[in-house]
Amino acid sequence: MRARWGTLAAAGLLAVLAAGCVSTQPSESLAVRAPGSLRGALDDVARQFEDAHRGIAITIRYDGHPGAMEQLGTALDQPRTADEAIDVLITEDESLMWQAVDEGLVSGDPVTLARSTYVVAIPSGADSTFDDVVSSAMAVSTCSEELPCGQAAHAVARRAGLAIDTDLQEQTPSEVLERVIDGSAEAGLVLDTATHAAGQDVTILDLPFPASTTSLAAPVAESPDRAAAQRFIEFLRTDEAQDALDHSGLAAR
């Protein structure tokens, strides 16, 4: 039996799906919920899909975007609006996706979209090693444990012996990296996909053990535009989409 994570964030997201937060009228506009670590790469894939499927517009709502995290943490009885519609769900938390499958909130077998690896980012030019980060108990920033981007990260940090500073827990991986770049955090624990935008502003340290996440995608079961949602899922399997993910540094295959 698959493990279930009873976090507020997971409950909030599943409540969005269970409450029927999908488009009220069938249309050729698809709403995709995705983790912020896929921003950029998934934008490219969406543009490719739109070019290949004229008349279908993709809107991607990334976790951590203003308003999105509030959705994840809302109480089960909070009213939903059309702006919270989801037609396709993408998660980097495998257990959350399988919980959605078990509860019938998504349909079909989830598609593996990408795999990402946890790394430690330190300011560019710093000559610290991973052992230095641990032995010196450097103040490490990462996503808040209450959020999807932070649940697995905190488990990885505990295993690695990293000192997560409670005052340096952020809403998104990009905010974690901003802490590292501006010097308010000595190091940051993020997925490698999040570090590409930072470029030469950070130095990347590998963990001494493999720690990765798998992003999965599936159509929401109650979407009235299931055919279009399924076409997007199938497009994610194509060489064109996989090449775009590979180009962004995602181990997509």
Protein backbone atom coordinates (compact mmCIF):
# COMPACT_ATOMS: atom_id res chain seq x y z
CA MET A 1 0.00 0.00 0.00
CA ARG A 2 1.44 3.32 -1.02
CA ALA A 3 2.34 5.75 1.74
CA ARG A 4 0.06 8.75 2.14
CA TRP A 5 1.37 12.14 3.18
CA GLY A 6 -1.11 13.87 5.39
CA THR A 7 0.35 17.35 5.07
CA LEU A 8 -1.81 20.42 4.78
CA ALA A 9 -0.32 21.16 1.37
CA ALA A 10 -1.22 17.72 0.04
CA ALA A 11 -4.72 17.88 1.49
CA GLY A 12 -5.22 21.31 -0.04
CA LEU A 13 -4.22 20.21 -3.52
CA LEU A 14 -6.31 17.04 -3.40
CA ALA A 15 -9.24 19.11 -2.13
CA VAL A 16 -8.92 21.35 -5.17
CA LEU A 17 -9.28 18.29 -7.40
CA ALA A 18 -12.03 16.63 -5.36
CA ALA A 19 -14.06 19.81 -5.27
CA GLY A 20 -14.35 19.67 -9.04
CA CYS A 21 -12.11 22.64 -9.70
CA VAL A 22 -12.12 22.25 -13.45
CA SER A 23 -13.49 24.35 -16.25
CA THR A 24 -17.28 24.63 -16.03
CA GLN A 25 -17.62 24.69 -19.83
CA PRO A 26 -15.71 22.49 -22.29
CA SER A 27 -13.15 24.63 -24.12
CA GLU A 28 -9.85 24.44 -25.92
CA SER A 29 -8.04 26.04 -23.03
CA LEU A 30 -6.17 23.75 -20.65
CA ALA A 31 -5.07 24.63 -17.12
CA VAL A 32 -2.00 22.79 -15.85
CA ARG A 33 -0.83 22.73 -12.21
CA ALA A 34 2.94 22.13 -12.02
CA PRO A 35 5.85 22.49 -9.57
CA GLY A 36 7.89 25.67 -9.80
CA SER A 37 11.06 23.66 -10.49
CA LEU A 38 9.73 22.97 -14.00
CA ARG A 39 9.23 26.64 -14.87
CA GLY A 40 10.99 27.48 -18.11
CA ALA A 41 11.29 23.92 -19.39
CA LEU A 42 7.55 23.34 -19.19
CA ASP A 43 6.88 26.76 -20.71
CA ASP A 44 8.86 25.64 -23.76
CA VAL A 45 6.92 22.37 -23.96
CA ALA A 46 3.60 24.23 -23.71
CA ARG A 47 4.58 26.51 -26.60
CA GLN A 48 5.54 23.49 -28.69
CA PHE A 49 2.19 21.87 -27.93
CA GLU A 50 0.28 25.01 -28.86
CA ASP A 51 2.18 25.23 -32.16
CA ALA A 52 1.30 21.62 -32.95
CA HIS A 53 -2.34 21.90 -31.76
CA ARG A 54 -3.74 25.17 -33.05
CA GLY A 55 -6.75 26.33 -31.05
CA ILE A 56 -5.63 24.84 -27.72
CA ALA A 57 -4.14 27.32 -25.25
CA ILE A 58 -2.13 26.14 -22.24
CA THR A 59 -2.16 28.03 -18.94
CA ILE A 60 0.37 26.78 -16.40
CA ARG A 61 -0.11 27.56 -12.71
CA TYR A 62 3.15 26.98 -10.92
CA ASP A 63 3.29 26.19 -7.20
CA GLY A 64 4.69 29.25 -5.50
CA HIS A 65 3.11 31.68 -7.97
CA PRO A 66 1.10 34.36 -6.13
CA GLY A 67 -2.11 32.72 -4.98
CA ALA A 68 -1.08 29.15 -5.80
CA MET A 69 0.36 28.28 -2.42
CA GLU A 70 -2.72 29.66 -0.69
CA GLN A 71 -4.75 27.21 -2.76
CA LEU A 72 -2.60 24.34 -1.57
CA GLY A 73 -3.17 25.20 2.06
CA THR A 74 -6.83 26.12 2.02
CA ALA A 75 -9.39 24.48 4.26
CA LEU A 76 -11.55 21.81 2.69
CA ASP A 77 -14.71 23.90 2.84
CA GLN A 78 -13.34 27.05 1.21
CA PRO A 79 -15.30 27.99 -1.94
CA ARG A 80 -13.53 27.44 -5.26
CA THR A 81 -13.55 29.68 -8.30
CA ALA A 82 -13.13 29.15 -12.04
CA ASP A 83 -9.67 30.68 -11.75
CA GLU A 84 -8.60 27.63 -9.73
CA ALA A 85 -9.46 25.19 -12.53
CA ILE A 86 -7.07 22.28 -13.15
CA ASP A 87 -7.22 20.02 -16.21
CA VAL A 88 -3.77 18.45 -15.94
CA LEU A 89 -1.87 17.78 -12.71
CA ILE A 90 1.94 17.58 -12.58
CA THR A 91 3.67 16.83 -9.29
CA GLU A 92 7.28 16.33 -8.18
CA ASP A 93 5.94 14.44 -5.15
CA GLU A 94 5.28 10.89 -6.34
CA SER A 95 3.30 9.94 -3.24
CA LEU A 96 0.93 12.87 -3.78
CA MET A 97 0.27 11.81 -7.38
CA TRP A 98 -0.37 8.21 -6.38
CA GLN A 99 -2.73 9.40 -3.67
CA ALA A 100 -4.64 11.31 -6.35
CA VAL A 101 -4.71 8.11 -8.45
CA ASP A 102 -5.96 6.00 -5.55
CA GLU A 103 -8.76 8.46 -4.84
CA GLY A 104 -9.83 8.62 -8.48
CA LEU A 105 -8.97 12.31 -8.81
CA VAL A 106 -6.82 11.78 -11.90
CA SER A 107 -7.35 9.27 -14.69
CA GLY A 108 -5.10 6.77 -16.41
CA ASP A 109 -1.52 5.92 -15.61
CA PRO A 110 0.63 8.96 -14.74
CA VAL A 111 3.37 9.78 -17.23
CA THR A 112 6.95 10.26 -16.04
CA LEU A 113 7.80 13.79 -17.11
CA ALA A 114 11.27 14.40 -15.64
CA ARG A 115 13.72 13.47 -12.94
CA SER A 116 15.61 16.04 -10.89
CA THR A 117 18.43 15.69 -8.36
CA TYR A 118 18.94 17.56 -5.10
CA VAL A 119 22.09 19.69 -4.84
CA VAL A 120 23.52 22.28 -2.47
CA ALA A 121 24.06 25.77 -3.90
CA ILE A 122 26.62 28.12 -2.37
CA PRO A 123 27.62 31.66 -3.44
CA SER A 124 29.71 31.88 -6.59
CA GLY A 125 33.40 32.00 -5.76
CA ALA A 126 33.04 30.26 -2.42
CA ASP A 127 35.53 27.41 -2.04
CA SER A 128 33.57 25.40 0.53
CA THR A 129 33.02 21.68 0.04
CA PHE A 130 29.93 19.74 1.01
CA ASP A 131 31.77 18.49 4.12
CA ASP A 132 32.47 22.12 5.06
CA VAL A 133 28.76 22.94 4.82
CA VAL A 134 27.94 20.10 7.22
CA SER A 135 30.86 20.38 9.65
CA SER A 136 30.53 24.16 9.97
CA ALA A 137 26.76 23.89 10.42
CA MET A 138 26.28 26.53 7.74
CA ALA A 139 22.85 28.16 7.70
CA VAL A 140 21.03 26.38 4.88
CA SER A 141 17.91 27.68 3.18
CA THR A 142 15.29 25.50 1.51
CA CYS A 143 11.56 25.48 0.84
CA SER A 144 9.24 25.37 3.82
CA GLU A 145 8.36 21.85 4.93
CA GLU A 146 4.68 22.75 4.71
CA LEU A 147 4.96 23.21 0.94
CA PRO A 148 5.29 20.62 -1.83
CA CYS A 149 8.77 21.89 -2.76
CA GLY A 150 9.98 21.43 0.82
CA GLN A 151 8.62 18.11 2.05
CA ALA A 152 11.18 15.88 0.36
CA ALA A 153 13.90 18.53 0.69
CA HIS A 154 13.70 18.47 4.48
CA ALA A 155 13.95 14.68 4.50
CA VAL A 156 17.05 14.91 2.31
CA ALA A 157 18.52 17.61 4.57
CA ARG A 158 18.06 15.48 7.67
CA ARG A 159 19.76 12.53 6.00
CA ALA A 160 22.64 14.71 4.80
CA GLY A 161 23.14 16.39 8.18
CA LEU A 162 22.45 19.88 6.83
CA ALA A 163 21.49 22.63 9.27
CA ILE A 164 18.23 24.08 7.93
CA ASP A 165 17.70 27.57 9.33
CA THR A 166 14.04 28.00 10.31
CA ASP A 167 14.26 31.69 9.39
CA LEU A 168 15.43 30.84 5.89
CA GLN A 169 12.56 28.64 4.73
CA GLU A 170 11.06 30.02 1.53
CA GLN A 171 8.04 29.63 -0.72
CA THR A 172 9.89 28.69 -3.91
CA PRO A 173 13.29 27.33 -5.01
CA SER A 174 14.04 30.64 -6.74
CA GLU A 175 13.62 32.47 -3.42
CA VAL A 176 16.03 29.99 -1.82
CA LEU A 177 18.61 30.77 -4.48
CA GLU A 178 18.06 34.51 -4.00
CA ARG A 179 18.99 34.02 -0.34
CA VAL A 180 22.21 32.32 -1.38
CA ILE A 181 23.08 34.96 -3.99
CA ASP A 182 22.45 37.93 -1.68
CA GLY A 183 24.40 36.28 1.15
CA SER A 184 21.56 35.97 3.67
CA ALA A 185 21.94 32.18 3.46
CA GLU A 186 25.31 30.42 3.40
CA ALA A 187 23.89 27.60 1.31
CA GLY A 188 20.64 26.40 -0.22
CA LEU A 189 19.21 22.94 -0.82
CA VAL A 190 17.29 22.81 -4.10
CA LEU A 191 16.70 20.61 -7.13
CA ASP A 192 19.33 20.99 -9.82
CA THR A 193 16.69 22.11 -12.30
CA ALA A 194 16.08 25.23 -10.20
CA THR A 195 19.73 26.30 -10.39
CA HIS A 196 19.90 26.76 -14.16
CA ALA A 197 18.40 30.25 -14.05
CA ALA A 198 20.98 31.32 -11.43
CA GLY A 199 23.81 30.47 -13.82
CA GLN A 200 27.23 31.56 -12.59
CA ASP A 201 25.81 33.31 -9.53
CA VAL A 202 26.01 30.06 -7.56
CA THR A 203 28.37 27.11 -7.22
CA ILE A 204 26.82 23.65 -7.11
CA LEU A 205 27.86 20.95 -4.65
CA ASP A 206 26.71 17.37 -5.11
CA LEU A 207 25.31 15.40 -2.20
CA PRO A 208 27.31 12.35 -1.07
CA PHE A 209 24.34 10.11 -1.89
CA PRO A 210 21.76 10.06 -4.70
CA ALA A 211 18.58 12.00 -3.89
CA SER A 212 16.13 12.74 -6.66
CA THR A 213 12.47 13.33 -7.41
CA THR A 214 10.30 12.17 -10.30
CA SER A 215 7.77 14.55 -11.80
CA LEU A 216 4.58 12.79 -12.90
CA ALA A 217 1.72 14.10 -15.06
CA ALA A 218 -1.90 12.96 -15.40
CA PRO A 219 -5.23 14.42 -16.59
CA VAL A 220 -7.73 15.43 -13.91
CA ALA A 221 -10.57 12.90 -13.90
CA GLU A 222 -13.41 15.45 -13.92
CA SER A 223 -11.99 17.72 -16.62
CA PRO A 224 -14.69 18.36 -19.24
CA ASP A 225 -11.94 18.68 -21.83
CA ARG A 226 -10.43 15.27 -21.20
CA ALA A 227 -9.60 14.70 -24.87
CA ALA A 228 -7.42 17.81 -25.05
CA ALA A 229 -5.88 17.03 -21.65
CA GLN A 230 -5.01 13.54 -22.85
CA ARG A 231 -3.44 14.95 -26.01
CA PHE A 232 -1.20 17.12 -23.85
CA ILE A 233 -0.20 14.10 -21.73
CA GLU A 234 0.60 12.14 -24.89
CA PHE A 235 2.62 15.09 -26.22
CA LEU A 236 4.79 14.93 -23.10
CA ARG A 237 5.97 11.51 -24.30
CA THR A 238 7.12 12.78 -27.70
CA ASP A 239 10.76 13.22 -28.67
CA GLU A 240 10.12 16.94 -29.20
CA ALA A 241 8.90 17.46 -25.64
CA GLN A 242 11.56 15.20 -24.15
CA ASP A 243 14.30 17.02 -26.08
CA ALA A 244 13.07 20.34 -24.65
CA LEU A 245 13.23 18.94 -21.13
CA ASP A 246 16.70 17.48 -21.76
CA HIS A 247 17.88 20.84 -23.07
CA SER A 248 16.81 22.41 -19.76
CA GLY A 249 18.91 19.92 -17.82
CA LEU A 250 16.10 17.58 -16.84
CA ALA A 251 16.80 13.85 -16.99
CA ALA A 252 13.58 13.32 -18.85
CA ARG A 253 14.20 9.89 -20.38
